[in-house]
């Protein structure tokens, strides 16, 4: 009998003026990218590989808008 449980992947994004800090749980992968369209695309490519169940992002007005707009471009959905 296979007793392995599939763990949900959850991603936290801390939005800063110049950087995004990203943490992927439960695998404890942490990285930062520039808070620019190119940096966000790089982050989303990494995030997409992990098929997260949820992405939690700090809602800081204009800083989060660019992230949310860019993730639509690569068709990454989050709830």
N, C-alpha and C. Protein backbone atom coordinates (compact mmCIF):
# COMPACT_ATOMS: atom_id res chain seq x y z
N UNK A 1 0.84 -1.18 0.00
CA UNK A 1 0.00 0.00 0.00
C UNK A 1 0.89 1.25 0.00
N UNK A 2 0.57 2.19 -0.85
CA UNK A 2 1.33 3.43 -0.94
C UNK A 2 0.80 4.41 0.10
N UNK A 3 1.65 4.75 1.06
CA UNK A 3 1.20 5.64 2.13
C UNK A 3 1.70 7.06 1.96
N UNK A 4 2.35 7.34 0.84
CA UNK A 4 2.84 8.69 0.59
C UNK A 4 1.66 9.63 0.36
N UNK A 5 1.72 10.77 1.00
CA UNK A 5 0.69 11.78 0.79
C UNK A 5 1.26 12.87 -0.10
N UNK A 6 0.47 13.29 -1.04
CA UNK A 6 0.89 14.40 -1.89
C UNK A 6 0.71 15.69 -1.10
N UNK A 7 1.79 16.46 -1.01
CA UNK A 7 1.71 17.72 -0.29
C UNK A 7 1.35 18.84 -1.25
N UNK A 8 0.51 19.73 -0.79
CA UNK A 8 0.15 20.90 -1.58
C UNK A 8 1.32 21.86 -1.63
N UNK A 9 1.54 22.42 -2.81
CA UNK A 9 2.58 23.43 -2.98
C UNK A 9 1.92 24.80 -2.80
N UNK A 10 2.46 25.59 -1.90
CA UNK A 10 1.97 26.94 -1.65
C UNK A 10 3.12 27.91 -1.84
N UNK A 11 2.83 29.04 -2.44
CA UNK A 11 3.86 30.02 -2.74
C UNK A 11 3.49 31.36 -2.13
N UNK A 12 4.45 31.94 -1.44
CA UNK A 12 4.27 33.27 -0.87
C UNK A 12 5.14 34.27 -1.60
N UNK A 13 4.56 35.42 -1.91
CA UNK A 13 5.30 36.47 -2.61
C UNK A 13 5.23 37.75 -1.78
N UNK A 14 6.40 38.23 -1.39
CA UNK A 14 6.50 39.50 -0.67
C UNK A 14 6.91 40.55 -1.68
N UNK A 15 6.07 41.55 -1.88
CA UNK A 15 6.33 42.56 -2.90
C UNK A 15 7.05 43.75 -2.30
N UNK A 16 8.19 44.05 -2.86
CA UNK A 16 8.95 45.24 -2.47
C UNK A 16 9.03 46.18 -3.66
N UNK A 17 9.49 47.36 -3.41
CA UNK A 17 9.57 48.36 -4.48
C UNK A 17 10.48 47.89 -5.62
N UNK A 18 11.60 47.24 -5.27
CA UNK A 18 12.55 46.82 -6.31
C UNK A 18 12.70 45.31 -6.43
N UNK A 19 12.29 44.56 -5.39
CA UNK A 19 12.46 43.10 -5.41
C UNK A 19 11.18 42.38 -5.02
N UNK A 20 11.05 41.16 -5.52
CA UNK A 20 10.02 40.23 -5.08
C UNK A 20 10.75 39.09 -4.38
N UNK A 21 10.36 38.79 -3.15
CA UNK A 21 10.91 37.64 -2.43
C UNK A 21 9.87 36.53 -2.50
N UNK A 22 10.30 35.36 -2.95
CA UNK A 22 9.37 34.26 -3.22
C UNK A 22 9.79 33.03 -2.43
N UNK A 23 8.84 32.43 -1.74
CA UNK A 23 9.10 31.23 -0.95
C UNK A 23 8.12 30.14 -1.39
N UNK A 24 8.66 28.97 -1.71
CA UNK A 24 7.84 27.84 -2.13
C UNK A 24 7.85 26.82 -1.00
N UNK A 25 6.66 26.53 -0.49
CA UNK A 25 6.50 25.56 0.59
C UNK A 25 5.73 24.36 0.09
N UNK A 26 6.00 23.20 0.56
CA UNK A 26 6.84 22.82 1.69
C UNK A 26 8.28 22.48 1.31
N UNK A 27 8.70 22.78 0.10
CA UNK A 27 10.05 22.39 -0.31
C UNK A 27 11.12 23.38 0.14
N UNK A 28 10.72 24.45 0.79
CA UNK A 28 11.64 25.46 1.32
C UNK A 28 12.59 26.02 0.27
N UNK A 29 12.04 26.36 -0.87
CA UNK A 29 12.83 27.00 -1.93
C UNK A 29 12.55 28.50 -1.86
N UNK A 30 13.60 29.30 -1.70
CA UNK A 30 13.46 30.74 -1.59
C UNK A 30 14.32 31.41 -2.64
N UNK A 31 13.76 32.42 -3.32
CA UNK A 31 14.54 33.18 -4.28
C UNK A 31 13.95 34.58 -4.41
N UNK A 32 14.75 35.48 -4.96
CA UNK A 32 14.32 36.86 -5.19
C UNK A 32 14.54 37.21 -6.65
N UNK A 33 13.68 38.07 -7.16
CA UNK A 33 13.83 38.60 -8.52
C UNK A 33 13.52 40.09 -8.47
N UNK A 34 13.98 40.79 -9.48
CA UNK A 34 13.65 42.21 -9.57
C UNK A 34 12.15 42.37 -9.81
N UNK A 35 11.58 43.41 -9.24
CA UNK A 35 10.16 43.69 -9.44
C UNK A 35 10.00 44.50 -10.73
N UNK A 36 10.28 43.81 -11.83
CA UNK A 36 10.18 44.36 -13.18
C UNK A 36 9.45 43.33 -14.02
N UNK A 37 8.95 43.70 -15.18
CA UNK A 37 8.29 42.69 -16.03
C UNK A 37 9.19 41.48 -16.30
N UNK A 38 10.48 41.70 -16.56
CA UNK A 38 11.38 40.58 -16.84
C UNK A 38 11.60 39.71 -15.59
N UNK A 39 11.79 40.34 -14.44
CA UNK A 39 11.98 39.59 -13.21
C UNK A 39 10.75 38.78 -12.85
N UNK A 40 9.58 39.37 -13.04
CA UNK A 40 8.33 38.67 -12.76
C UNK A 40 8.16 37.48 -13.69
N UNK A 41 8.48 37.64 -14.95
CA UNK A 41 8.39 36.51 -15.89
C UNK A 41 9.32 35.38 -15.46
N UNK A 42 10.52 35.72 -15.01
CA UNK A 42 11.45 34.69 -14.52
C UNK A 42 10.85 33.96 -13.32
N UNK A 43 10.30 34.71 -12.38
CA UNK A 43 9.70 34.10 -11.19
C UNK A 43 8.54 33.20 -11.56
N UNK A 44 7.70 33.65 -12.47
CA UNK A 44 6.52 32.87 -12.83
C UNK A 44 6.89 31.59 -13.57
N UNK A 45 7.99 31.61 -14.31
CA UNK A 45 8.43 30.37 -14.96
C UNK A 45 8.84 29.33 -13.91
N UNK A 46 9.51 29.76 -12.85
CA UNK A 46 9.87 28.85 -11.76
C UNK A 46 8.61 28.38 -11.04
N UNK A 47 7.73 29.31 -10.72
CA UNK A 47 6.50 28.98 -10.01
C UNK A 47 5.67 27.98 -10.80
N UNK A 48 5.54 28.20 -12.09
CA UNK A 48 4.71 27.33 -12.93
C UNK A 48 5.20 25.88 -12.91
N UNK A 49 6.50 25.66 -12.81
CA UNK A 49 7.06 24.31 -12.78
C UNK A 49 6.59 23.52 -11.57
N UNK A 50 6.20 24.21 -10.51
CA UNK A 50 5.81 23.55 -9.27
C UNK A 50 4.30 23.31 -9.16
N UNK A 51 3.53 23.77 -10.13
CA UNK A 51 2.06 23.58 -10.13
C UNK A 51 1.45 23.87 -8.75
N UNK A 52 1.58 25.10 -8.28
CA UNK A 52 1.11 25.41 -6.93
C UNK A 52 -0.40 25.32 -6.80
N UNK A 53 -0.82 24.93 -5.60
CA UNK A 53 -2.25 24.94 -5.29
C UNK A 53 -2.71 26.37 -5.05
N UNK A 54 -1.83 27.16 -4.43
CA UNK A 54 -2.21 28.54 -4.16
C UNK A 54 -0.97 29.42 -4.15
N UNK A 55 -1.19 30.67 -4.55
CA UNK A 55 -0.17 31.70 -4.48
C UNK A 55 -0.72 32.81 -3.59
N UNK A 56 0.02 33.14 -2.57
CA UNK A 56 -0.39 34.20 -1.66
C UNK A 56 0.56 35.37 -1.89
N UNK A 57 -0.02 36.52 -2.19
CA UNK A 57 0.81 37.69 -2.49
C UNK A 57 0.36 38.87 -1.65
N UNK A 58 1.34 39.58 -1.15
CA UNK A 58 1.07 40.78 -0.37
C UNK A 58 0.40 41.81 -1.29
N UNK A 59 -0.77 42.28 -0.91
CA UNK A 59 -1.53 43.21 -1.75
C UNK A 59 -1.10 44.64 -1.48
N UNK A 60 -0.05 45.07 -2.17
CA UNK A 60 0.47 46.42 -2.00
C UNK A 60 0.23 47.21 -3.28
N UNK A 61 -0.99 47.58 -3.50
CA UNK A 61 -1.43 48.43 -4.62
C UNK A 61 -0.67 48.19 -5.91
N UNK A 62 0.05 49.21 -6.39
CA UNK A 62 0.69 49.14 -7.71
C UNK A 62 1.77 48.07 -7.77
N UNK A 63 2.35 47.69 -6.66
CA UNK A 63 3.42 46.68 -6.68
C UNK A 63 2.88 45.31 -7.04
N UNK A 64 1.67 45.00 -6.65
CA UNK A 64 1.09 43.70 -6.95
C UNK A 64 0.44 43.67 -8.33
N UNK A 65 0.02 44.81 -8.83
CA UNK A 65 -0.66 44.86 -10.13
C UNK A 65 0.19 44.31 -11.26
N UNK A 66 1.46 44.65 -11.30
CA UNK A 66 2.35 44.17 -12.35
C UNK A 66 2.49 42.66 -12.29
N UNK A 67 2.63 42.10 -11.08
CA UNK A 67 2.74 40.66 -10.91
C UNK A 67 1.48 39.97 -11.43
N UNK A 68 0.32 40.46 -11.03
CA UNK A 68 -0.94 39.83 -11.42
C UNK A 68 -1.18 39.94 -12.93
N UNK A 69 -0.82 41.05 -13.52
CA UNK A 69 -0.97 41.22 -14.97
C UNK A 69 -0.04 40.28 -15.71
N UNK A 70 1.20 40.17 -15.28
CA UNK A 70 2.18 39.33 -15.95
C UNK A 70 1.81 37.86 -15.84
N UNK A 71 1.31 37.41 -14.71
CA UNK A 71 0.96 35.99 -14.58
C UNK A 71 -0.16 35.61 -15.53
N UNK A 72 -1.02 36.55 -15.91
CA UNK A 72 -2.07 36.26 -16.89
C UNK A 72 -1.47 35.99 -18.26
N UNK A 73 -0.36 36.67 -18.57
CA UNK A 73 0.29 36.50 -19.86
C UNK A 73 0.77 35.06 -20.04
N UNK A 74 1.30 34.45 -18.97
CA UNK A 74 1.79 33.07 -19.12
C UNK A 74 0.74 32.05 -18.68
N UNK A 75 -0.48 32.53 -18.48
CA UNK A 75 -1.62 31.68 -18.18
C UNK A 75 -1.44 30.83 -16.91
N UNK A 76 -0.94 31.46 -15.86
CA UNK A 76 -0.84 30.82 -14.57
C UNK A 76 -2.00 31.33 -13.73
N UNK A 77 -2.86 30.43 -13.35
CA UNK A 77 -4.06 30.81 -12.60
C UNK A 77 -3.82 30.59 -11.11
N UNK A 78 -4.33 31.49 -10.32
CA UNK A 78 -4.31 31.26 -8.88
C UNK A 78 -5.58 31.80 -8.28
N UNK A 79 -5.93 31.19 -7.14
CA UNK A 79 -7.20 31.55 -6.51
C UNK A 79 -7.01 32.47 -5.34
